[in-house]
Protein backbone atom coordinates (compact mmCIF):
# COMPACT_ATOMS: atom_id res chain seq x y z
CA MET A 1 87.98 260.08 150.98
CA LEU A 2 87.71 256.30 150.87
CA ILE A 3 86.04 256.45 147.47
CA TRP A 4 88.88 258.68 146.15
CA CYS A 5 91.51 256.27 147.47
CA LEU A 6 89.82 253.29 145.86
CA ALA A 7 89.53 255.18 142.57
CA MET A 8 93.21 256.07 142.62
CA ALA A 9 94.43 252.61 143.68
CA PRO A 10 94.49 251.02 140.18
CA ALA A 11 96.50 253.90 138.74
CA LEU A 12 99.03 253.75 141.57
CA ALA A 13 99.23 249.96 141.46
CA PHE A 14 100.03 249.90 137.77
CA ALA A 15 102.24 252.99 137.64
CA ALA A 16 105.18 252.45 135.31
CA PRO A 17 108.64 252.14 136.91
CA TYR A 18 110.74 255.32 136.94
CA ALA A 19 114.19 255.67 135.42
CA GLY A 20 116.34 258.73 134.86
CA TYR A 21 119.66 259.33 133.13
CA VAL A 22 121.82 262.37 132.34
CA MET A 23 124.73 262.40 129.88
CA ASP A 24 127.28 264.96 128.76
CA ALA A 25 126.79 264.50 125.03
CA ARG A 26 130.21 265.89 124.16
CA SER A 27 132.02 262.98 125.80
CA GLY A 28 129.30 260.44 126.58
CA GLU A 29 130.06 260.80 130.31
CA THR A 30 127.34 259.77 132.76
CA LEU A 31 126.33 262.63 135.07
CA HIS A 32 123.34 260.98 136.76
CA SER A 33 121.82 257.49 136.69
CA GLU A 34 118.80 256.11 138.50
CA ASN A 35 117.42 252.71 137.48
CA ALA A 36 118.91 253.58 134.10
CA ASP A 37 119.98 250.06 133.08
CA THR A 38 116.67 248.35 133.88
CA PRO A 39 114.81 247.19 130.74
CA LEU A 40 111.49 249.06 130.53
CA HIS A 41 108.87 249.84 127.90
CA PRO A 42 110.24 252.62 125.66
CA ALA A 43 106.89 253.49 123.99
CA SER A 44 107.39 255.92 121.08
CA LEU A 45 111.03 256.53 121.96
CA THR A 46 111.26 253.49 119.67
CA LYS A 47 110.70 255.77 116.69
CA MET A 48 114.14 257.27 117.26
CA MET A 49 115.62 253.99 116.03
CA THR A 50 113.12 253.79 113.16
CA LEU A 51 114.24 257.23 112.04
CA TYR A 52 117.94 256.57 112.70
CA ILE A 53 117.82 253.58 110.35
CA THR A 54 115.90 255.66 107.80
CA PHE A 55 118.56 258.37 107.80
CA GLU A 56 121.28 255.71 107.58
CA ALA A 57 119.56 254.05 104.62
CA VAL A 58 119.24 257.37 102.79
CA GLN A 59 122.88 258.20 103.52
CA HIS A 60 123.98 254.91 101.95
CA GLY A 61 121.74 255.16 98.89
CA GLU A 62 119.47 252.30 99.93
CA ILE A 63 116.42 254.57 99.67
CA THR A 64 115.71 258.25 99.02
CA MET A 65 113.45 260.72 100.76
CA ASP A 66 111.49 261.01 97.51
CA ASP A 67 110.63 257.30 97.40
CA TYR A 68 106.90 256.69 97.14
CA VAL A 69 105.79 254.32 99.89
CA THR A 70 102.69 252.16 99.37
CA VAL A 71 100.76 251.95 102.63
CA SER A 72 99.95 248.39 103.67
CA ARG A 73 96.81 247.21 105.43
CA ASN A 74 98.95 246.57 108.50
CA ALA A 75 100.30 250.13 108.58
CA ALA A 76 96.92 251.75 107.94
CA ALA A 77 95.37 249.76 110.81
CA GLU A 78 97.79 250.99 113.48
CA PRO A 79 96.05 252.73 116.41
CA PRO A 80 96.60 256.41 117.28
CA SER A 81 98.60 258.46 117.38
CA LYS A 82 98.49 258.27 113.59
CA LEU A 83 98.70 260.35 110.45
CA GLY A 84 95.55 258.79 108.97
CA LEU A 85 97.04 256.76 106.13
CA ARG A 86 94.81 254.56 103.95
CA GLN A 87 95.59 251.10 102.63
CA GLY A 88 97.02 251.32 99.12
CA GLN A 89 97.82 255.02 99.44
CA LYS A 90 101.15 256.19 98.01
CA ILE A 91 103.02 258.87 99.91
CA LYS A 92 106.57 260.19 99.81
CA LEU A 93 108.94 258.88 102.45
CA ARG A 94 109.85 262.41 103.58
CA TYR A 95 106.26 262.98 104.75
CA LEU A 96 106.26 259.74 106.71
CA VAL A 97 109.54 260.76 108.37
CA ARG A 98 108.05 264.10 109.41
CA ALA A 99 104.92 262.43 110.78
CA ALA A 100 106.92 259.88 112.77
CA ALA A 101 109.40 262.42 114.15
CA ILE A 102 107.02 265.28 114.91
CA LYS A 103 103.59 263.76 115.52
CA SER A 104 104.86 260.32 116.59
CA ALA A 105 102.49 258.69 114.10
CA ASN A 106 102.36 254.89 114.46
CA ASP A 107 101.02 254.26 110.95
CA ALA A 108 103.86 256.31 109.47
CA ALA A 109 106.50 254.42 111.47
CA THR A 110 105.14 251.05 110.37
CA ALA A 111 105.00 252.14 106.73
CA ILE A 112 108.64 253.28 106.92
CA GLY A 113 109.79 249.97 108.40
CA GLU A 114 107.93 247.90 105.82
CA HIS A 115 109.29 250.02 102.98
CA ILE A 116 112.89 249.60 104.11
CA ALA A 117 112.90 245.94 105.18
CA GLY A 118 109.87 244.41 103.45
CA SER A 119 108.03 243.57 106.67
CA GLU A 120 107.74 244.96 110.17
CA ASP A 121 109.28 241.83 111.68
CA ALA A 122 112.32 242.09 109.41
CA PHE A 123 112.66 245.78 110.22
CA ALA A 124 112.43 245.11 113.97
CA ALA A 125 115.25 242.57 113.64
CA ARG A 126 117.34 245.19 111.85
CA MET A 127 116.52 247.69 114.60
CA THR A 128 117.86 245.30 117.22
CA ARG A 129 121.02 244.59 115.19
CA THR A 130 121.63 248.31 114.84
CA ALA A 131 121.03 248.80 118.57
CA ARG A 132 123.73 246.25 119.36
CA ALA A 133 126.13 247.95 116.94
CA LEU A 134 125.52 251.26 118.74
CA GLY A 135 126.23 249.71 122.14
CA MET A 136 122.60 249.49 123.27
CA SER A 137 123.19 246.13 124.91
CA LYS A 138 119.89 245.86 126.80
CA THR A 139 117.52 246.89 124.02
CA THR A 140 115.32 244.60 121.91
CA PHE A 141 112.82 245.91 119.38
CA LYS A 142 109.72 244.06 118.21
CA ASN A 143 108.06 246.78 116.14
CA ALA A 144 108.76 250.13 114.49
CA HIS A 145 106.42 252.31 116.56
CA GLY A 146 106.76 251.32 120.24
CA LEU A 147 103.28 250.16 121.13
CA THR A 148 103.52 247.65 123.99
CA LEU A 149 104.60 244.18 122.93
CA ALA A 150 106.18 241.40 124.99
CA GLY A 151 109.96 241.60 124.79
CA HIS A 152 109.99 245.11 123.29
CA LEU A 153 112.24 246.76 125.88
CA SER A 154 114.98 249.35 126.30
CA THR A 155 116.67 251.33 129.06
CA ALA A 156 117.16 255.00 129.86
CA HIS A 157 120.90 254.57 129.35
CA ASP A 158 120.47 252.89 125.96
CA MET A 159 118.09 255.59 124.77
CA ALA A 160 120.62 258.26 125.74
CA ILE A 161 123.20 256.44 123.60
CA LEU A 162 120.77 256.45 120.66
CA GLY A 163 119.95 260.11 121.21
CA ARG A 164 123.64 261.00 121.15
CA HIS A 165 124.13 259.16 117.88
CA MET A 166 121.10 260.90 116.42
CA VAL A 167 122.57 264.30 117.25
CA TYR A 168 126.07 263.67 115.91
CA ASP A 169 125.63 261.02 113.20
CA TYR A 170 122.89 262.79 111.25
CA PRO A 171 123.03 266.52 112.06
CA GLN A 172 121.44 267.29 108.68
CA TYR A 173 118.22 265.63 109.88
CA TYR A 174 118.33 266.34 113.60
CA ASN A 175 116.57 269.70 113.17
CA LEU A 176 113.37 267.75 112.42
CA PHE A 177 112.90 267.11 116.12
CA SER A 178 112.77 270.81 117.00
CA ARG A 179 110.12 271.78 114.44
CA ILE A 180 106.89 272.83 116.12
CA SER A 181 104.78 271.90 113.10
CA GLU A 182 105.38 270.59 109.59
CA ASP A 183 103.64 269.57 106.39
CA ALA A 184 103.23 265.78 106.34
CA GLY A 185 101.78 265.54 102.86
CA ILE A 186 98.16 264.91 103.70
CA ARG A 187 97.96 267.38 106.57
CA GLN A 188 99.92 269.61 108.90
CA VAL A 189 101.24 267.91 112.04
CA SER A 190 102.22 269.43 115.40
CA ASN A 191 105.13 268.40 117.62
CA THR A 192 104.20 266.24 120.62
CA ASN A 193 107.13 267.86 122.47
CA ARG A 194 106.23 271.49 121.71
CA ARG A 195 105.56 272.48 125.34
CA PHE A 196 109.00 271.42 126.49
CA LEU A 197 110.75 272.89 123.43
CA ALA A 198 109.10 276.24 124.08
CA ALA A 199 109.78 276.24 127.82
CA TYR A 200 113.42 275.21 128.16
CA LYS A 201 116.31 277.37 126.97
CA GLY A 202 118.48 275.56 124.43
CA ALA A 203 116.13 272.57 123.99
CA ASP A 204 116.13 271.20 120.43
CA GLY A 205 114.69 267.66 120.72
CA ILE A 206 114.38 264.76 120.80
CA LYS A 207 111.36 262.44 121.32
CA THR A 208 108.37 261.82 123.55
CA GLY A 209 106.64 258.51 124.27
CA TYR A 210 103.58 257.31 126.14
CA THR A 211 101.70 254.08 126.72
CA ASN A 212 99.91 252.78 129.81
CA ALA A 213 102.71 250.28 130.39
CA ALA A 214 105.52 252.80 129.86
CA GLY A 215 104.13 255.94 131.43
CA PHE A 216 105.28 259.30 130.08
CA ASN A 217 108.78 259.03 128.57
CA LEU A 218 111.06 261.67 127.09
CA VAL A 219 114.55 261.84 125.61
CA ALA A 220 115.53 265.52 125.73
CA SER A 221 118.59 267.30 124.41
CA ALA A 222 119.60 270.89 125.03
CA GLN A 223 122.67 272.92 124.13
CA ARG A 224 124.01 276.02 125.85
CA GLY A 225 127.23 277.39 124.49
CA ASP A 226 129.53 274.45 123.75
CA THR A 227 127.80 272.17 126.25
CA ARG A 228 125.12 269.69 125.20
CA ILE A 229 123.24 267.61 127.75
CA ILE A 230 121.02 264.62 126.99
CA THR A 231 118.46 263.56 129.59
CA VAL A 232 116.13 260.55 129.58
CA VAL A 233 113.10 259.98 131.79
CA PHE A 234 111.01 256.78 131.79
CA GLY A 235 107.79 256.34 133.76
CA GLY A 236 106.57 259.90 134.23
CA ARG A 237 103.08 260.21 135.74
CA SER A 238 101.92 262.97 133.35
CA THR A 239 103.28 265.22 130.62
CA ALA A 240 103.67 268.09 133.09
CA SER A 241 105.39 266.08 135.83
CA ARG A 242 107.65 264.36 133.30
CA ASN A 243 108.68 267.68 131.76
CA ALA A 244 109.33 269.14 135.21
CA ARG A 245 111.59 266.22 136.07
CA VAL A 246 113.45 266.56 132.77
CA VAL A 247 114.03 270.26 133.49
CA GLU A 248 115.50 269.35 136.90
CA LEU A 249 117.82 266.77 135.36
CA LEU A 250 118.94 269.05 132.52
CA ASP A 251 119.67 271.85 135.00
CA TYR A 252 121.63 269.34 137.06
CA GLY A 253 123.53 268.24 133.99
CA PHE A 254 124.52 271.76 132.98
CA SER A 255 125.63 272.51 136.56
CA LYS A 256 127.75 269.36 136.84
CA ALA A 257 129.22 269.21 133.32
CA LYS A 258 132.86 270.18 133.03
CA LYS A 259 133.43 273.59 131.50
CA ARG A 260 136.02 272.51 128.99
CA VAL A 261 135.47 269.16 127.36
CA ALA A 262 136.80 268.19 123.96
CA LEU A 263 134.03 267.08 121.61
CA ASN A 264 134.42 263.34 121.04
CA LYS A 265 131.70 262.31 118.62
CA PRO A 266 130.55 258.68 118.76
CA ALA A 267 131.87 256.35 116.08
CA LEU A 268 129.51 255.44 113.26
CA PRO A 269 128.29 251.84 113.51
CA PRO A 270 128.82 249.28 110.72
CA TYR A 271 126.13 249.62 108.09
CA MET A 272 123.37 247.02 108.52
CA GLY A 273 121.56 247.64 105.21
CA ASN A 274 119.27 245.11 103.55
CA LYS A 275 120.34 246.00 100.05
CA ASN A 276 123.75 246.12 98.42
CA LEU A 277 125.55 247.51 95.43
CA GLY A 278 125.24 244.65 92.94
CA ASN A 279 126.80 241.69 94.72
CA VAL A 280 129.12 243.85 96.81
CA PHE A 281 128.69 244.26 100.56
CA ILE A 282 130.78 246.87 102.30
CA ALA A 283 131.15 248.36 105.76
CA GLU A 284 133.70 250.71 107.27
CA SER A 285 135.43 250.33 110.58
CA ALA A 286 133.19 250.93 113.59
CA ASN A 287 136.03 252.88 115.18
CA PRO A 288 137.81 254.90 112.48
CA ASP A 289 140.97 256.69 113.46
CA PRO A 290 139.86 260.24 114.37
CA GLU A 291 142.94 261.77 112.85
CA GLY A 292 142.61 259.79 109.64
CA ALA A 293 146.32 259.09 109.73
CA ARG A 294 146.33 255.29 109.77
CA GLY A 295 143.64 254.73 107.16
CA LYS A 296 140.60 252.46 107.30
CA THR A 297 140.44 248.79 106.46
CA ILE A 298 137.39 247.62 104.54
CA ARG A 299 136.52 244.29 103.07
CA VAL A 300 134.71 243.90 99.78
CA VAL A 301 133.03 240.53 99.27
CA ALA A 302 132.31 239.97 95.60
CA ALA A 303 133.13 237.98 92.55
CA ALA A 304 136.23 239.26 90.82
CA PRO A 305 135.25 241.88 88.20
CA THR A 306 135.63 240.98 84.57
CA ARG A 307 136.13 244.56 83.47
CA SER A 308 137.51 247.76 84.92
CA LEU A 309 134.99 249.88 86.82
CA ARG A 310 137.28 252.90 86.72
CA PRO A 311 135.52 255.79 84.93
CA GLN A 312 136.88 256.61 81.50
CA SER A 313 138.19 260.09 80.72
CA ARG A 314 135.84 262.16 78.60
CA ALA A 315 137.30 263.39 75.35
CA GLY A 316 138.22 267.04 75.52
CA ALA A 317 137.47 267.18 79.22
CA LYS A 318 140.31 269.54 79.99
CA GLY A 319 138.82 272.91 79.25
CA ALA A 320 137.00 272.00 76.05
CA ASP A 321 133.48 272.63 77.37
CA VAL A 322 134.21 275.05 80.21
CA ALA A 323 133.42 278.22 78.29
CA PRO A 324 129.84 277.35 77.32
CA LEU A 325 129.21 276.05 80.83
CA VAL A 326 130.41 279.29 82.43
CA ALA A 327 128.46 281.32 79.89
CA SER A 328 125.30 279.47 80.83
CA LEU A 329 125.61 280.73 84.42
CA GLU A 330 124.35 284.19 83.53
CA GLY A 331 121.21 285.00 85.51
CA ASP A 332 120.34 285.03 89.18
CA ILE A 333 121.19 282.31 91.68
CA GLU A 334 117.54 281.35 92.21
CA THR A 335 117.88 279.18 89.10
CA VAL A 336 120.15 276.74 90.88
CA LEU A 337 117.93 276.68 93.96
CA ALA A 338 114.96 275.64 91.89
CA ALA A 339 116.99 273.06 90.02
CA VAL A 340 118.44 271.51 93.15
CA GLN A 341 115.07 271.38 94.92
CA SER A 342 113.46 269.63 91.97
CA ALA A 343 116.16 267.02 91.71
CA GLN A 344 115.82 263.59 93.24
CA PRO A 345 118.41 263.55 96.03
CA VAL A 346 120.36 260.37 96.36
CA VAL A 347 123.57 259.39 98.06
CA ALA A 348 126.14 257.78 95.81
CA GLN A 349 127.55 254.38 96.72
CA ILE A 350 131.31 254.61 96.19
CA VAL A 351 132.85 251.17 96.36
CA ALA A 352 136.54 252.08 96.25
CA THR A 353 138.44 255.29 95.51
CA ASP A 354 141.97 256.52 96.03
CA VAL A 355 143.40 253.05 96.64
CA ALA A 356 146.65 253.22 98.54
CA PRO A 357 149.81 251.73 97.01
CA GLU A 358 149.91 249.13 99.74
CA ALA A 359 146.52 247.68 98.75
CA SER A 360 146.50 243.93 98.62
CA ALA A 361 144.38 242.14 96.02
CA LYS A 362 145.21 238.66 97.23
CA PRO A 363 141.99 236.60 97.37
CA VAL A 364 141.16 235.10 100.75
CA ARG A 365 138.85 232.11 101.12
CA ARG A 366 136.01 232.66 103.62
CA PRO A 367 135.32 229.96 106.23
CA ALA A 368 132.21 227.99 105.30
CA ASP A 369 130.54 228.39 108.70
CA LEU A 370 130.99 232.17 108.96
CA THR A 371 127.59 233.86 108.74
CA GLY A 372 125.91 237.18 109.43
CA VAL A 373 128.20 240.03 110.40
CA GLN A 374 131.92 239.31 110.49
CA LEU A 375 134.47 241.37 112.34
CA ALA A 376 138.03 241.47 111.09
CA SER A 377 141.31 243.15 111.89
CA VAL A 378 143.27 243.51 108.70
CA GLY A 379 146.38 245.48 107.97
CA GLY A 380 146.37 247.22 111.34
CA GLY A 381 142.79 248.61 111.10
CA ALA A 382 139.51 247.37 112.54
CA GLY A 383 136.97 246.49 109.88
CA ALA A 384 133.44 245.15 109.67
CA VAL A 385 132.34 242.70 107.03
CA VAL A 386 128.71 242.46 106.03
CA SER A 387 128.02 239.32 104.02
CA ASP A 388 125.40 236.75 103.15
CA ALA A 389 125.80 233.22 104.48
CA ALA A 390 126.48 231.14 101.40
CA SER A 391 127.19 227.49 100.88
CA THR A 392 129.81 228.20 98.24
CA PRO A 393 132.88 230.27 99.06
CA GLU A 394 133.26 233.70 97.51
CA GLN A 395 136.38 235.67 96.80
CA GLU A 396 137.27 238.46 99.17
CA VAL A 397 139.44 241.42 98.25
CA VAL A 398 140.96 243.14 101.26
CA THR A 399 141.75 246.75 100.47
CA ARG A 400 143.38 249.37 102.63
CA LEU A 401 142.25 252.87 101.78
CA SER A 402 144.34 255.92 102.45
CA THR A 403 142.51 258.48 104.57
CA SER A 404 145.34 260.90 105.07
CA GLY A 405 143.97 264.18 106.26
CA GLY A 406 140.45 262.83 106.69
CA HIS A 407 139.23 264.45 103.45
CA HIS A 408 137.03 261.53 102.44
CA TRP A 409 133.61 263.02 103.07
CA GLY A 410 131.38 264.71 100.57
CA ILE A 411 127.90 266.04 99.90
CA ASN A 412 125.26 265.23 97.28
CA VAL A 413 123.05 268.01 95.87
CA GLY A 414 120.79 265.98 93.64
CA ARG A 415 120.38 263.60 90.73
CA TYR A 416 119.87 264.99 87.23
CA GLY A 417 118.82 263.71 83.86
CA ASN A 418 122.08 264.42 82.05
CA LYS A 419 125.69 265.03 82.87
CA TYR A 420 125.74 268.60 81.61
CA GLU A 421 122.89 269.61 83.92
CA ALA A 422 124.64 268.03 86.92
CA GLU A 423 127.90 269.85 86.09
CA LYS A 424 126.01 273.10 85.72
CA VAL A 425 124.39 272.75 89.14
CA LEU A 426 127.71 271.87 90.75
CA LEU A 427 129.38 274.95 89.33
CA LYS A 428 126.51 277.24 90.32
CA THR A 429 126.38 275.75 93.82
CA SER A 430 130.14 276.16 94.28
CA LEU A 431 129.82 279.84 93.35
CA MET A 432 126.84 280.30 95.67
CA GLU A 433 128.52 278.61 98.66
CA SER A 434 132.18 279.25 97.89
CA SER A 435 133.17 279.83 101.52
CA THR A 436 132.42 276.24 102.58
CA LEU A 437 132.97 274.41 99.28
CA ASP A 438 136.34 275.98 98.53
CA GLY A 439 138.89 273.19 98.14
CA SER A 440 136.35 270.46 97.44
CA LEU A 441 136.16 268.66 94.12
CA ARG A 442 133.10 268.61 91.87
CA LYS A 443 132.25 265.09 90.76
CA VAL A 444 129.42 263.80 88.56
CA VAL A 445 128.61 260.10 89.04
CA GLY A 446 126.36 258.35 86.54
CA ARG A 447 124.20 255.61 88.05
CA GLY A 448 120.61 254.38 87.98
CA GLY A 449 119.62 256.25 84.85
CA GLY A 450 120.72 259.62 86.21
CA TYR A 451 123.75 261.66 87.21
CA ASP A 452 124.58 262.48 90.84
CA ALA A 453 126.02 265.92 91.53
CA ASN A 454 128.59 265.50 94.32
CA PHE A 455 131.25 267.56 96.06
CA VAL A 456 134.02 265.30 97.39
CA GLY A 457 137.38 265.58 99.13
CA MET A 458 135.96 267.19 102.28
CA THR A 459 136.35 266.58 105.99
CA ARG A 460 133.27 265.59 107.97
CA GLU A 461 133.13 269.05 109.54
CA MET A 462 133.35 270.73 106.11
CA ALA A 463 130.59 268.53 104.69
CA ASP A 464 128.35 269.07 107.72
CA LEU A 465 128.76 272.86 107.59
CA ALA A 466 128.20 273.01 103.83
CA CYS A 467 125.02 270.94 104.06
CA ARG A 468 123.62 273.00 106.90
CA ARG A 469 124.28 276.25 105.02
CA LEU A 470 122.73 274.90 101.81
CA GLN A 471 119.70 273.58 103.70
CA ALA A 472 119.27 277.03 105.23
CA ARG A 473 118.91 278.25 101.64
CA GLN A 474 116.22 275.58 101.09
CA VAL A 475 118.63 273.46 99.04
CA THR A 476 118.39 269.70 99.52
CA CYS A 477 121.76 268.30 100.57
CA PHE A 478 122.99 264.94 101.90
CA MET A 479 126.33 264.11 103.48
CA MET A 480 128.34 261.16 102.15
CA GLY A 481 130.71 259.38 104.50
CA PRO A 482 133.97 257.61 103.67
CA SER A 483 132.10 254.36 103.03
CA SER A 484 129.23 255.93 101.07
């Protein structure tokens, strides 16, 4: 007995601290909290932020899921769990995303961060900035994967906030976390959370984590009827005991959650992207009016244009080429599925559309000492300004956009080599999915050597539903927000 006690003593002495948190995801209400605001080691829960930023970057056209990522020596050298990447290897971003989300691969997470920000340190800084924008006030990231590093800390409460944003901000990607296995390009990967997903009714994610310093961590989300509960556990002693505790907390959450709660989705944070559209930086309000009645205030920081960027009308556009386009639709619908799947999906960057009559174009001089992220309240709306610190002042154009009715969302179904092909796909897709795309506008946007096929003039709910239905048909689809 003495020998057993001595053998167990190191494990007990260095056991990771426990924390637990339960949230009603519909409202963000706290249902249970134990040590939930104490900074602890998050382990691979970190990858939730790596993936959140990836989805955000794709949504804003900074990158695409079909980007080829060159694996660095640093990424290839990461310890397990890993996908098994080799230095110099080129692999599509979508496979790295799957490996990071499902297998919790450290090499994949590092490769993603370096691809987006240029280095892991720069990406970690962006992760922390994004955390602050989401309200994760006690979280600091030092790497993209979550292996133990001094100062790399988060809390159970903060991770619940991130999990809630993952569910509601990027529903088109959230299903990744419930997949039991997936093709990651170089091999099939299995979900580290598959036992819990299979055992708990309504569970659909999100992320596991383990290191010696952290213990066994899990952010879990489950939905039953209209109620969604998010539970976080830090410091579990084993996978089994952690999962058992999560089950207890989820059951508690479903028993304590109010029966009728209006869904109040979290506000999208200001975009923290590295890249920009030419010399234009843009960010929408962090707290847009849910009814869309008052509009959004945005600030565009750029040199005044020397020519109009408004698209020119195409000669004979009104009906001249409709007949041959409709005639070309003869054949089965599988044609459009193949065409959409083969296209390079990309999210269009729309700088300004539907400018309200009250828009002001008066240039405003920026204070010389204003750097980083600026917050402004202009014309009655809250806005976020993303700008470079510059020694010379730039012109700012403050524009108030009308968002009456909230129909300023859209979806992108691919990029094509010519305008006619994009128009053809849009028309075929609208016929295939008429129930959700009815009332939207088909719009072809030429940029980057190709033509984006977009449906615009939708509410967020319409765009979300349309994308989910198209994805169920194996059609690649990306939502575009008001500031996309």
